[in-house]
Amino acid sequence: MSWSEFRDFIDTFRTDQIMQQLQAWNVGDLNSNPWFLGGFAAAVLITYFIGWRAISAFLVGIGGFALALSWTVAQGTGTEGIQGGGLYVIVGGGAVAVGLFIYLLFIKTE
């Protein structure tokens, strides 16, 4: 891989291109999609009651991050997103997702 190919690869991780891709995937609509919410809730509950605590914690972490990201993209990007509370949503939602992940994986004992 040459330097120019590496630089082109790294340029795809610019914030504006990532936000364009997330909006193209309609990530902002996940927080109101009942199939997404129900599917994640069902998967978490099934794995939790079967006894697969690590997988349940992993799903809670991924689902929480996806929902926080969805709410943040729905709020908007740039200064309008910060004024609309998008920053608080991603920080608060991420903290809750990480907290649940840590609780389910490390603290919750049988």
PDB file of N, CA and C in Angstrom:
ATOM      1  N   MET A   1       0.851  -1.167   0.000  1.00  0.00           N
ATOM      2  CA  MET A   1       0.000   0.000   0.000  1.00  0.00           C
ATOM      3  C   MET A   1       0.899   1.232   0.000  1.00  0.00           C
ATOM      4  N   SER A   2       0.663   2.087  -0.962  1.00  0.00           N
ATOM      5  CA  SER A   2       1.468   3.300  -1.066  1.00  0.00           C
ATOM      6  C   SER A   2       0.913   4.376  -0.134  1.00  0.00           C
ATOM      7  N   TRP A   3       1.688   5.444   0.006  1.00  0.00           N
ATOM      8  CA  TRP A   3       1.296   6.525   0.894  1.00  0.00           C
ATOM      9  C   TRP A   3       0.003   7.207   0.417  1.00  0.00           C
ATOM     10  N   SER A   4      -0.149   7.375  -0.881  1.00  0.00           N
ATOM     11  CA  SER A   4      -1.353   8.032  -1.397  1.00  0.00           C
ATOM     12  C   SER A   4      -2.591   7.160  -1.174  1.00  0.00           C
ATOM     13  N   GLU A   5      -2.458   5.843  -1.320  1.00  0.00           N
ATOM     14  CA  GLU A   5      -3.578   4.949  -1.048  1.00  0.00           C
ATOM     15  C   GLU A   5      -3.947   4.978   0.432  1.00  0.00           C
ATOM     16  N   PHE A   6      -2.938   5.010   1.291  1.00  0.00           N
ATOM     17  CA  PHE A   6      -3.177   5.086   2.725  1.00  0.00           C
ATOM     18  C   PHE A   6      -3.866   6.398   3.095  1.00  0.00           C
ATOM     19  N   ARG A   7      -3.429   7.468   2.488  1.00  0.00           N
ATOM     20  CA  ARG A   7      -4.029   8.780   2.764  1.00  0.00           C
ATOM     21  C   ARG A   7      -5.481   8.826   2.275  1.00  0.00           C
ATOM     22  N   ASP A   8      -5.765   8.255   1.120  1.00  0.00           N
ATOM     23  CA  ASP A   8      -7.148   8.185   0.636  1.00  0.00           C
ATOM     24  C   ASP A   8      -8.019   7.355   1.574  1.00  0.00           C
ATOM     25  N   PHE A   9      -7.448   6.278   2.112  1.00  0.00           N
ATOM     26  CA  PHE A   9      -8.177   5.445   3.056  1.00  0.00           C
ATOM     27  C   PHE A   9      -8.481   6.212   4.343  1.00  0.00           C
ATOM     28  N   ILE A  10      -7.522   6.940   4.843  1.00  0.00           N
ATOM     29  CA  ILE A  10      -7.703   7.713   6.074  1.00  0.00           C
ATOM     30  C   ILE A  10      -8.675   8.875   5.853  1.00  0.00           C
ATOM     31  N   ASP A  11      -8.715   9.443   4.662  1.00  0.00           N
ATOM     32  CA  ASP A  11      -9.637  10.544   4.378  1.00  0.00           C
ATOM     33  C   ASP A  11     -11.097  10.128   4.483  1.00  0.00           C
ATOM     34  N   THR A  12     -11.381   8.837   4.352  1.00  0.00           N
ATOM     35  CA  THR A  12     -12.770   8.389   4.488  1.00  0.00           C
ATOM     36  C   THR A  12     -13.248   8.491   5.926  1.00  0.00           C
ATOM     37  N   PHE A  13     -12.353   8.679   6.888  1.00  0.00           N
ATOM     38  CA  PHE A  13     -12.723   8.792   8.289  1.00  0.00           C
ATOM     39  C   PHE A  13     -12.866  10.241   8.750  1.00  0.00           C
ATOM     40  N   ARG A  14     -12.934  11.175   7.812  1.00  0.00           N
ATOM     41  CA  ARG A  14     -13.198  12.567   8.186  1.00  0.00           C
ATOM     42  C   ARG A  14     -14.610  12.672   8.723  1.00  0.00           C
ATOM     43  N   THR A  15     -14.811  13.567   9.668  1.00  0.00           N
ATOM     44  CA  THR A  15     -16.097  13.679  10.345  1.00  0.00           C
ATOM     45  C   THR A  15     -17.234  13.981   9.384  1.00  0.00           C
ATOM     46  N   ASP A  16     -17.006  14.859   8.425  1.00  0.00           N
ATOM     47  CA  ASP A  16     -18.100  15.202   7.507  1.00  0.00           C
ATOM     48  C   ASP A  16     -18.509  14.011   6.650  1.00  0.00           C
ATOM     49  N   GLN A  17     -17.537  13.201   6.240  1.00  0.00           N
ATOM     50  CA  GLN A  17     -17.880  12.030   5.432  1.00  0.00           C
ATOM     51  C   GLN A  17     -18.569  10.954   6.269  1.00  0.00           C
ATOM     52  N   ILE A  18     -18.167  10.815   7.520  1.00  0.00           N
ATOM     53  CA  ILE A  18     -18.822   9.835   8.391  1.00  0.00           C
ATOM     54  C   ILE A  18     -20.270  10.241   8.643  1.00  0.00           C
ATOM     55  N   MET A  19     -20.512  11.526   8.901  1.00  0.00           N
ATOM     56  CA  MET A  19     -21.873  11.992   9.142  1.00  0.00           C
ATOM     57  C   MET A  19     -22.736  11.845   7.884  1.00  0.00           C
ATOM     58  N   GLN A  20     -22.170  12.085   6.716  1.00  0.00           N
ATOM     59  CA  GLN A  20     -22.918  11.882   5.477  1.00  0.00           C
ATOM     60  C   GLN A  20     -23.308  10.421   5.313  1.00  0.00           C
ATOM     61  N   GLN A  21     -22.394   9.522   5.642  1.00  0.00           N
ATOM     62  CA  GLN A  21     -22.681   8.095   5.522  1.00  0.00           C
ATOM     63  C   GLN A  21     -23.746   7.664   6.520  1.00  0.00           C
ATOM     64  N   LEU A  22     -23.681   8.171   7.755  1.00  0.00           N
ATOM     65  CA  LEU A  22     -24.693   7.830   8.747  1.00  0.00           C
ATOM     66  C   LEU A  22     -26.066   8.345   8.330  1.00  0.00           C
ATOM     67  N   GLN A  23     -26.124   9.527   7.754  1.00  0.00           N
ATOM     68  CA  GLN A  23     -27.398  10.049   7.277  1.00  0.00           C
ATOM     69  C   GLN A  23     -27.892   9.265   6.063  1.00  0.00           C
ATOM     70  N   ALA A  24     -26.985   8.785   5.234  1.00  0.00           N
ATOM     71  CA  ALA A  24     -27.388   7.960   4.090  1.00  0.00           C
ATOM     72  C   ALA A  24     -27.953   6.615   4.547  1.00  0.00           C
ATOM     73  N   TRP A  25     -27.465   6.101   5.665  1.00  0.00           N
ATOM     74  CA  TRP A  25     -27.971   4.838   6.210  1.00  0.00           C
ATOM     75  C   TRP A  25     -29.240   5.033   7.027  1.00  0.00           C
ATOM     76  N   ASN A  26     -29.730   6.268   7.142  1.00  0.00           N
ATOM     77  CA  ASN A  26     -30.931   6.604   7.930  1.00  0.00           C
ATOM     78  C   ASN A  26     -30.797   6.169   9.389  1.00  0.00           C
ATOM     79  N   VAL A  27     -29.629   6.408   9.960  1.00  0.00           N
ATOM     80  CA  VAL A  27     -29.384   6.047  11.347  1.00  0.00           C
ATOM     81  C   VAL A  27     -30.261   6.873  12.278  1.00  0.00           C
ATOM     82  N   GLY A  28     -30.630   8.083  11.881  1.00  0.00           N
ATOM     83  CA  GLY A  28     -31.475   8.927  12.706  1.00  0.00           C
ATOM     84  C   GLY A  28     -32.880   8.386  12.902  1.00  0.00           C
ATOM     85  N   ASP A  29     -33.291   7.415  12.104  1.00  0.00           N
ATOM     86  CA  ASP A  29     -34.634   6.844  12.214  1.00  0.00           C
ATOM     87  C   ASP A  29     -34.691   5.611  13.108  1.00  0.00           C
ATOM     88  N   LEU A  30     -33.550   5.145  13.611  1.00  0.00           N
ATOM     89  CA  LEU A  30     -33.547   3.918  14.413  1.00  0.00           C
ATOM     90  C   LEU A  30     -34.272   4.088  15.739  1.00  0.00           C
ATOM     91  N   ASN A  31     -34.236   5.294  16.322  1.00  0.00           N
ATOM     92  CA  ASN A  31     -34.862   5.467  17.630  1.00  0.00           C
ATOM     93  C   ASN A  31     -36.382   5.450  17.566  1.00  0.00           C
ATOM     94  N   SER A  32     -36.957   5.498  16.376  1.00  0.00           N
ATOM     95  CA  SER A  32     -38.410   5.410  16.242  1.00  0.00           C
ATOM     96  C   SER A  32     -38.860   4.168  15.469  1.00  0.00           C
ATOM     97  N   ASN A  33     -37.931   3.302  15.120  1.00  0.00           N
ATOM     98  CA  ASN A  33     -38.250   2.085  14.386  1.00  0.00           C
ATOM     99  C   ASN A  33     -38.625   0.976  15.374  1.00  0.00           C
ATOM    100  N   PRO A  34     -39.889   0.552  15.396  1.00  0.00           N
ATOM    101  CA  PRO A  34     -40.289  -0.454  16.384  1.00  0.00           C
ATOM    102  C   PRO A  34     -39.631  -1.812  16.166  1.00  0.00           C
ATOM    103  N   TRP A  35     -39.296  -2.163  14.943  1.00  0.00           N
ATOM    104  CA  TRP A  35     -38.626  -3.442  14.689  1.00  0.00           C
ATOM    105  C   TRP A  35     -37.226  -3.455  15.269  1.00  0.00           C
ATOM    106  N   PHE A  36     -36.510  -2.350  15.133  1.00  0.00           N
ATOM    107  CA  PHE A  36     -35.168  -2.258  15.705  1.00  0.00           C
ATOM    108  C   PHE A  36     -35.221  -2.318  17.226  1.00  0.00           C
ATOM    109  N   LEU A  37     -36.099  -1.508  17.817  1.00  0.00           N
ATOM    110  CA  LEU A  37     -36.201  -1.465  19.276  1.00  0.00           C
ATOM    111  C   LEU A  37     -36.671  -2.803  19.842  1.00  0.00           C
ATOM    112  N   GLY A  38     -37.694  -3.386  19.223  1.00  0.00           N
ATOM    113  CA  GLY A  38     -38.200  -4.674  19.677  1.00  0.00           C
ATOM    114  C   GLY A  38     -37.207  -5.803  19.491  1.00  0.00           C
ATOM    115  N   GLY A  39     -36.483  -5.775  18.380  1.00  0.00           N
ATOM    116  CA  GLY A  39     -35.485  -6.810  18.129  1.00  0.00           C
ATOM    117  C   GLY A  39     -34.355  -6.783  19.134  1.00  0.00           C
ATOM    118  N   PHE A  40     -33.868  -5.599  19.425  1.00  0.00           N
ATOM    119  CA  PHE A  40     -32.797  -5.513  20.423  1.00  0.00           C
ATOM    120  C   PHE A  40     -33.306  -5.876  21.810  1.00  0.00           C
ATOM    121  N   ALA A  41     -34.504  -5.420  22.163  1.00  0.00           N
ATOM    122  CA  ALA A  41     -35.058  -5.758  23.480  1.00  0.00           C
ATOM    123  C   ALA A  41     -35.255  -7.271  23.605  1.00  0.00           C
ATOM    124  N   ALA A  42     -35.782  -7.893  22.573  1.00  0.00           N
ATOM    125  CA  ALA A  42     -35.992  -9.341  22.606  1.00  0.00           C
ATOM    126  C   ALA A  42     -34.669 -10.086  22.699  1.00  0.00           C
ATOM    127  N   ALA A  43     -33.680  -9.656  21.923  1.00  0.00           N
ATOM    128  CA  ALA A  43     -32.378 -10.329  21.954  1.00  0.00           C
ATOM    129  C   ALA A  43     -31.727 -10.199  23.328  1.00  0.00           C
ATOM    130  N   VAL A  44     -31.816  -9.025  23.924  1.00  0.00           N
ATOM    131  CA  VAL A  44     -31.228  -8.826  25.254  1.00  0.00           C
ATOM    132  C   VAL A  44     -31.944  -9.676  26.292  1.00  0.00           C
ATOM    133  N   LEU A  45     -33.270  -9.672  26.273  1.00  0.00           N
ATOM    134  CA  LEU A  45     -34.021 -10.453  27.257  1.00  0.00           C
ATOM    135  C   LEU A  45     -33.793 -11.951  27.099  1.00  0.00           C
ATOM    136  N   ILE A  46     -33.773 -12.426  25.872  1.00  0.00           N
ATOM    137  CA  ILE A  46     -33.557 -13.857  25.640  1.00  0.00           C
ATOM    138  C   ILE A  46     -32.182 -14.280  26.129  1.00  0.00           C
ATOM    139  N   THR A  47     -31.155 -13.527  25.761  1.00  0.00           N
ATOM    140  CA  THR A  47     -29.804 -13.905  26.191  1.00  0.00           C
ATOM    141  C   THR A  47     -29.633 -13.751  27.696  1.00  0.00           C
ATOM    142  N   TYR A  48     -30.314 -12.790  28.297  1.00  0.00           N
ATOM    143  CA  TYR A  48     -30.202 -12.605  29.749  1.00  0.00           C
ATOM    144  C   TYR A  48     -30.851 -13.756  30.500  1.00  0.00           C
ATOM    145  N   PHE A  49     -32.048 -14.163  30.070  1.00  0.00           N
ATOM    146  CA  PHE A  49     -32.750 -15.236  30.777  1.00  0.00           C
ATOM    147  C   PHE A  49     -32.171 -16.618  30.484  1.00  0.00           C
ATOM    148  N   ILE A  50     -31.506 -16.791  29.354  1.00  0.00           N
ATOM    149  CA  ILE A  50     -30.829 -18.057  29.087  1.00  0.00           C
ATOM    150  C   ILE A  50     -29.606 -18.204  29.990  1.00  0.00           C
ATOM    151  N   GLY A  51     -29.043 -17.075  30.367  1.00  0.00           N
ATOM    152  CA  GLY A  51     -27.877 -17.110  31.238  1.00  0.00           C
ATOM    153  C   GLY A  51     -26.607 -16.666  30.550  1.00  0.00           C
ATOM    154  N   TRP A  52     -26.722 -16.178  29.367  1.00  0.00           N
ATOM    155  CA  TRP A  52     -25.561 -15.700  28.636  1.00  0.00           C
ATOM    156  C   TRP A  52     -25.340 -14.232  28.979  1.00  0.00           C
ATOM    157  N   ARG A  53     -24.805 -13.977  30.148  1.00  0.00           N
ATOM    158  CA  ARG A  53     -24.660 -12.614  30.650  1.00  0.00           C
ATOM    159  C   ARG A  53     -23.696 -11.788  29.806  1.00  0.00           C
ATOM    160  N   ALA A  54     -22.623 -12.382  29.353  1.00  0.00           N
ATOM    161  CA  ALA A  54     -21.637 -11.634  28.559  1.00  0.00           C
ATOM    162  C   ALA A  54     -22.228 -11.199  27.225  1.00  0.00           C
ATOM    163  N   ILE A  55     -22.963 -12.079  26.578  1.00  0.00           N
ATOM    164  CA  ILE A  55     -23.580 -11.722  25.301  1.00  0.00           C
ATOM    165  C   ILE A  55     -24.668 -10.682  25.516  1.00  0.00           C
ATOM    166  N   SER A  56     -25.416 -10.826  26.607  1.00  0.00           N
ATOM    167  CA  SER A  56     -26.443  -9.832  26.925  1.00  0.00           C
ATOM    168  C   SER A  56     -25.816  -8.462  27.169  1.00  0.00           C
ATOM    169  N   ALA A  57     -24.722  -8.431  27.904  1.00  0.00           N
ATOM    170  CA  ALA A  57     -24.026  -7.161  28.162  1.00  0.00           C
ATOM    171  C   ALA A  57     -23.491  -6.560  26.872  1.00  0.00           C
ATOM    172  N   PHE A  58     -22.961  -7.397  26.000  1.00  0.00           N
ATOM    173  CA  PHE A  58     -22.453  -6.931  24.711  1.00  0.00           C
ATOM    174  C   PHE A  58     -23.580  -6.334  23.865  1.00  0.00           C
ATOM    175  N   LEU A  59     -24.732  -6.985  23.847  1.00  0.00           N
ATOM    176  CA  LEU A  59     -25.876  -6.472  23.093  1.00  0.00           C
ATOM    177  C   LEU A  59     -26.397  -5.164  23.687  1.00  0.00           C
ATOM    178  N   VAL A  60     -26.408  -5.055  25.004  1.00  0.00           N
ATOM    179  CA  VAL A  60     -26.831  -3.812  25.641  1.00  0.00           C
ATOM    180  C   VAL A  60     -25.882  -2.678  25.265  1.00  0.00           C
ATOM    181  N   GLY A  61     -24.590  -2.970  25.257  1.00  0.00           N
ATOM    182  CA  GLY A  61     -23.612  -1.953  24.876  1.00  0.00           C
ATOM    183  C   GLY A  61     -23.774  -1.503  23.436  1.00  0.00           C
ATOM    184  N   ILE A  62     -23.932  -2.443  22.534  1.00  0.00           N
ATOM    185  CA  ILE A  62     -24.097  -2.096  21.117  1.00  0.00           C
ATOM    186  C   ILE A  62     -25.428  -1.393  20.882  1.00  0.00           C
ATOM    187  N   GLY A  63     -26.493  -1.911  21.473  1.00  0.00           N
ATOM    188  CA  GLY A  63     -27.805  -1.290  21.304  1.00  0.00           C
ATOM    189  C   GLY A  63     -27.867   0.102  21.902  1.00  0.00           C
ATOM    190  N   GLY A  64     -27.271   0.289  23.062  1.00  0.00           N
ATOM    191  CA  GLY A  64     -27.245   1.610  23.676  1.00  0.00           C
ATOM    192  C   GLY A  64     -26.459   2.606  22.856  1.00  0.00           C
ATOM    193  N   PHE A  65     -25.326   2.167  22.331  1.00  0.00           N
ATOM    194  CA  PHE A  65     -24.537   3.049  21.482  1.00  0.00           C
ATOM    195  C   PHE A  65     -25.291   3.386  20.199  1.00  0.00           C
ATOM    196  N   ALA A  66     -25.961   2.412  19.606  1.00  0.00           N
ATOM    197  CA  ALA A  66     -26.717   2.664  18.380  1.00  0.00           C
ATOM    198  C   ALA A  66     -27.861   3.638  18.627  1.00  0.00           C
ATOM    199  N   LEU A  67     -28.544   3.489  19.761  1.00  0.00           N
ATOM    200  CA  LEU A  67     -29.630   4.416  20.070  1.00  0.00           C
ATOM    201  C   LEU A  67     -29.114   5.821  20.372  1.00  0.00           C
ATOM    202  N   ALA A  68     -28.014   5.922  21.106  1.00  0.00           N
ATOM    203  CA  ALA A  68     -27.436   7.245  21.382  1.00  0.00           C
ATOM    204  C   ALA A  68     -26.980   7.908  20.088  1.00  0.00           C
ATOM    205  N   LEU A  69     -26.379   7.136  19.213  1.00  0.00           N
ATOM    206  CA  LEU A  69     -25.943   7.668  17.922  1.00  0.00           C
ATOM    207  C   LEU A  69     -27.147   8.076  17.072  1.00  0.00           C
ATOM    208  N   SER A  70     -28.204   7.279  17.121  1.00  0.00           N
ATOM    209  CA  SER A  70     -29.411   7.598  16.364  1.00  0.00           C
ATOM    210  C   SER A  70     -30.046   8.892  16.843  1.00  0.00           C
ATOM    211  N   TRP A  71     -30.163   9.059  18.138  1.00  0.00           N
ATOM    212  CA  TRP A  71     -30.739  10.291  18.674  1.00  0.00           C
ATOM    213  C   TRP A  71     -29.863  11.494  18.359  1.00  0.00           C
ATOM    214  N   THR A  72     -28.555  11.300  18.383  1.00  0.00           N
ATOM    215  CA  THR A  72     -27.648  12.407  18.081  1.00  0.00           C
ATOM    216  C   THR A  72     -27.751  12.816  16.619  1.00  0.00           C
ATOM    217  N   VAL A  73     -27.797  11.864  15.706  1.00  0.00           N
ATOM    218  CA  VAL A  73     -27.922  12.177  14.285  1.00  0.00           C
ATOM    219  C   VAL A  73     -29.276  12.824  14.017  1.00  0.00           C
ATOM    220  N   ALA A  74     -30.320  12.382  14.718  1.00  0.00           N
ATOM    221  CA  ALA A  74     -31.643  12.980  14.535  1.00  0.00           C
ATOM    222  C   ALA A  74     -31.679  14.429  15.022  1.00  0.00           C
ATOM    223  N   GLN A  75     -30.884  14.755  16.052  1.00  0.00           N
ATOM    224  CA  GLN A  75     -30.815  16.130  16.549  1.00  0.00           C
ATOM    225  C   GLN A  75     -30.131  17.045  15.549  1.00  0.00           C
ATOM    226  N   GLY A  76     -29.251  16.507  14.748  1.00  0.00           N
ATOM    227  CA  GLY A  76     -28.519  17.306  13.775  1.00  0.00           C
ATOM    228  C   GLY A  76     -27.059  17.410  14.164  1.00  0.00           C
ATOM    229  N   THR A  77     -26.272  17.827  13.204  1.00  0.00           N
ATOM    230  CA  THR A  77     -24.846  17.963  13.445  1.00  0.00           C
ATOM    231  C   THR A  77     -24.474  19.434  13.431  1.00  0.00           C
ATOM    232  N   GLY A  78     -23.302  19.717  13.896  1.00  0.00           N
ATOM    233  CA  GLY A  78     -22.836  21.100  13.917  1.00  0.00           C
ATOM    234  C   GLY A  78     -23.425  21.856  15.090  1.00  0.00           C
ATOM    235  N   THR A  79     -23.489  23.162  14.956  1.00  0.00           N
ATOM    236  CA  THR A  79     -23.956  23.991  16.064  1.00  0.00           C
ATOM    237  C   THR A  79     -25.441  23.797  16.339  1.00  0.00           C
ATOM    238  N   GLU A  80     -26.234  23.472  15.327  1.00  0.00           N
ATOM    239  CA  GLU A  80     -27.658  23.245  15.578  1.00  0.00           C
ATOM    240  C   GLU A  80     -27.876  21.983  16.402  1.00  0.00           C
ATOM    241  N   GLY A  81     -27.014  20.997  16.259  1.00  0.00           N
ATOM    242  CA  GLY A  81     -27.118  19.786  17.072  1.00  0.00           C
ATOM    243  C   GLY A  81     -26.727  20.032  18.511  1.00  0.00           C
ATOM    244  N   ILE A  82     -25.728  20.880  18.721  1.00  0.00           N
ATOM    245  CA  ILE A  82     -25.306  21.194  20.085  1.00  0.00           C
ATOM    246  C   ILE A  82     -26.389  22.009  20.785  1.00  0.00           C
ATOM    247  N   GLN A  83     -26.984  22.959  20.087  1.00  0.00           N
ATOM    248  CA  GLN A  83     -28.041  23.764  20.691  1.00  0.00           C
ATOM    249  C   GLN A  83     -29.290  22.933  20.935  1.00  0.00           C
ATOM    250  N   GLY A  84     -29.529  21.926  20.123  1.00  0.00           N
ATOM    251  CA  GLY A  84     -30.698  21.061  20.282  1.00  0.00           C
ATOM    252  C   GLY A  84     -30.492  19.966  21.314  1.00  0.00           C
ATOM    253  N   GLY A  85     -29.334  19.877  21.928  1.00  0.00           N
ATOM    254  CA  GLY A  85     -29.075  18.878  22.949  1.00  0.00           C
ATOM    255  C   GLY A  85     -28.409  17.627  22.439  1.00  0.00           C
ATOM    256  N   GLY A  86     -27.900  17.625  21.219  1.00  0.00           N
ATOM    257  CA  GLY A  86     -27.266  16.429  20.662  1.00  0.00           C
ATOM    258  C   GLY A  86     -26.032  15.990  21.421  1.00  0.00           C
ATOM    259  N   LEU A  87     -25.281  16.948  21.937  1.00  0.00           N
ATOM    260  CA  LEU A  87     -24.074  16.619  22.695  1.00  0.00           C
ATOM    261  C   LEU A  87     -24.431  15.916  23.997  1.00  0.00           C
ATOM    262  N   TYR A  88     -25.471  16.399  24.665  1.00  0.00           N
ATOM    263  CA  TYR A  88     -25.898  15.773  25.915  1.00  0.00           C
ATOM    264  C   TYR A  88     -26.443  14.378  25.681  1.00  0.00           C
ATOM    265  N   VAL A  89     -27.090  14.186  24.567  1.00  0.00           N
ATOM    266  CA  VAL A  89     -27.656  12.874  24.258  1.00  0.00           C
ATOM    267  C   VAL A  89     -26.549  11.862  24.027  1.00  0.00           C
ATOM    268  N   ILE A  90     -25.533  12.208  23.238  1.00  0.00           N
ATOM    269  CA  ILE A  90     -24.473  11.233  22.958  1.00  0.00           C
ATOM    270  C   ILE A  90     -23.630  10.958  24.203  1.00  0.00           C
ATOM    271  N   VAL A  91     -23.362  11.977  25.003  1.00  0.00           N
ATOM    272  CA  VAL A  91     -22.573  11.766  26.221  1.00  0.00           C
ATOM    273  C   VAL A  91     -23.387  11.000  27.259  1.00  0.00           C
ATOM    274  N   GLY A  92     -24.624  11.424  27.496  1.00  0.00           N
ATOM    275  CA  GLY A  92     -25.469  10.742  28.476  1.00  0.00           C
ATOM    276  C   GLY A  92     -25.835   9.333  28.056  1.00  0.00           C
ATOM    277  N   GLY A  93     -26.222   9.176  26.798  1.00  0.00           N
ATOM    278  CA  GLY A  93     -26.562   7.847  26.297  1.00  0.00           C
ATOM    279  C   GLY A  93     -25.371   6.906  26.301  1.00  0.00           C
ATOM    280  N   GLY A  94     -24.204   7.430  25.953  1.00  0.00           N
ATOM    281  CA  GLY A  94     -22.997   6.607  25.998  1.00  0.00           C
ATOM    282  C   GLY A  94     -22.646   6.198  27.416  1.00  0.00           C
ATOM    283  N   ALA A  95     -22.825   7.118  28.363  1.00  0.00           N
ATOM    284  CA  ALA A  95     -22.533   6.798  29.761  1.00  0.00           C
ATOM    285  C   ALA A  95     -23.489   5.736  30.294  1.00  0.00           C
ATOM    286  N   VAL A  96     -24.766   5.838  29.936  1.00  0.00           N
ATOM    287  CA  VAL A  96     -25.737   4.836  30.374  1.00  0.00           C
ATOM    288  C   VAL A  96     -25.427   3.476  29.749  1.00  0.00           C
ATOM    289  N   ALA A  97     -25.105   3.462  28.463  1.00  0.00           N
ATOM    290  CA  ALA A  97     -24.781   2.195  27.789  1.00  0.00           C
ATOM    291  C   ALA A  97     -23.543   1.548  28.395  1.00  0.00           C
ATOM    292  N   VAL A  98     -22.516   2.342  28.660  1.00  0.00           N
ATOM    293  CA  VAL A  98     -21.294   1.799  29.267  1.00  0.00           C
ATOM    294  C   VAL A  98     -21.569   1.335  30.693  1.00  0.00           C
ATOM    295  N   GLY A  99     -22.371   2.104  31.428  1.00  0.00           N
ATOM    296  CA  GLY A  99     -22.719   1.701  32.796  1.00  0.00           C
ATOM    297  C   GLY A  99     -23.465   0.380  32.833  1.00  0.00           C
ATOM    298  N   LEU A 100     -24.458   0.207  31.959  1.00  0.00           N
ATOM    299  CA  LEU A 100     -25.186  -1.065  31.897  1.00  0.00           C
ATOM    300  C   LEU A 100     -24.275  -2.213  31.473  1.00  0.00           C
ATOM    301  N   PHE A 101     -23.387  -1.937  30.536  1.00  0.00           N
ATOM    302  CA  PHE A 101     -22.448  -2.967  30.084  1.00  0.00           C
ATOM    303  C   PHE A 101     -21.568  -3.425  31.240  1.00  0.00           C
ATOM    304  N   ILE A 102     -21.003  -2.478  31.970  1.00  0.00           N
ATOM    305  CA  ILE A 102     -20.135  -2.818  33.100  1.00  0.00           C
ATOM    306  C   ILE A 102     -20.916  -3.543  34.182  1.00  0.00           C
ATOM    307  N   TYR A 103     -22.127  -3.074  34.468  1.00  0.00           N
ATOM    308  CA  TYR A 103     -22.942  -3.716  35.505  1.00  0.00           C
ATOM    309  C   TYR A 103     -23.257  -5.159  35.127  1.00  0.00           C
ATOM    310  N   LEU A 104     -23.725  -5.385  33.902  1.00  0.00           N
ATOM    311  CA  LEU A 104     -24.108  -6.737  33.503  1.00  0.00           C
ATOM    312  C   LEU A 104     -22.918  -7.676  33.383  1.00  0.00           C
ATOM    313  N   LEU A 105     -21.790  -7.141  32.946  1.00  0.00           N
ATOM    314  CA  LEU A 105     -20.653  -8.020  32.694  1.00  0.00           C
ATOM    315  C   LEU A 105     -19.814  -8.275  33.941  1.00  0.00           C
ATOM    316  N   PHE A 106     -19.619  -7.264  34.778  1.00  0.00           N
ATOM    317  CA  PHE A 106     -18.671  -7.412  35.869  1.00  0.00           C
ATOM    318  C   PHE A 106     -19.305  -7.397  37.258  1.00  0.00           C
ATOM    319  N   ILE A 107     -20.365  -6.651  37.463  1.00  0.00           N
ATOM    320  CA  ILE A 107     -20.893  -6.487  38.808  1.00  0.00           C
ATOM    321  C   ILE A 107     -21.986  -7.497  39.101  1.00  0.00           C
ATOM    322  N   LYS A 108     -22.877  -7.743  38.165  1.00  0.00           N
ATOM    323  CA  LYS A 108     -24.004  -8.638  38.374  1.00  0.00           C
ATOM    324  C   LYS A 108     -23.503 -10.059  38.604  1.00  0.00           C
ATOM    325  N   THR A 109     -23.792 -10.592  39.772  1.00  0.00           N
ATOM    326  CA  THR A 109     -23.397 -11.972  40.084  1.00  0.00           C
ATOM    327  C   THR A 109     -24.644 -12.785  40.374  1.00  0.00           C
ATOM    328  N   GLU A 110     -24.484 -14.063  40.325  1.00  0.00           N
ATOM    329  CA  GLU A 110     -25.637 -14.944  40.571  1.00  0.00           C
ATOM    330  C   GLU A 110     -25.610 -15.429  41.982  1.00  0.00           C
TER     331      GLU A 110
END
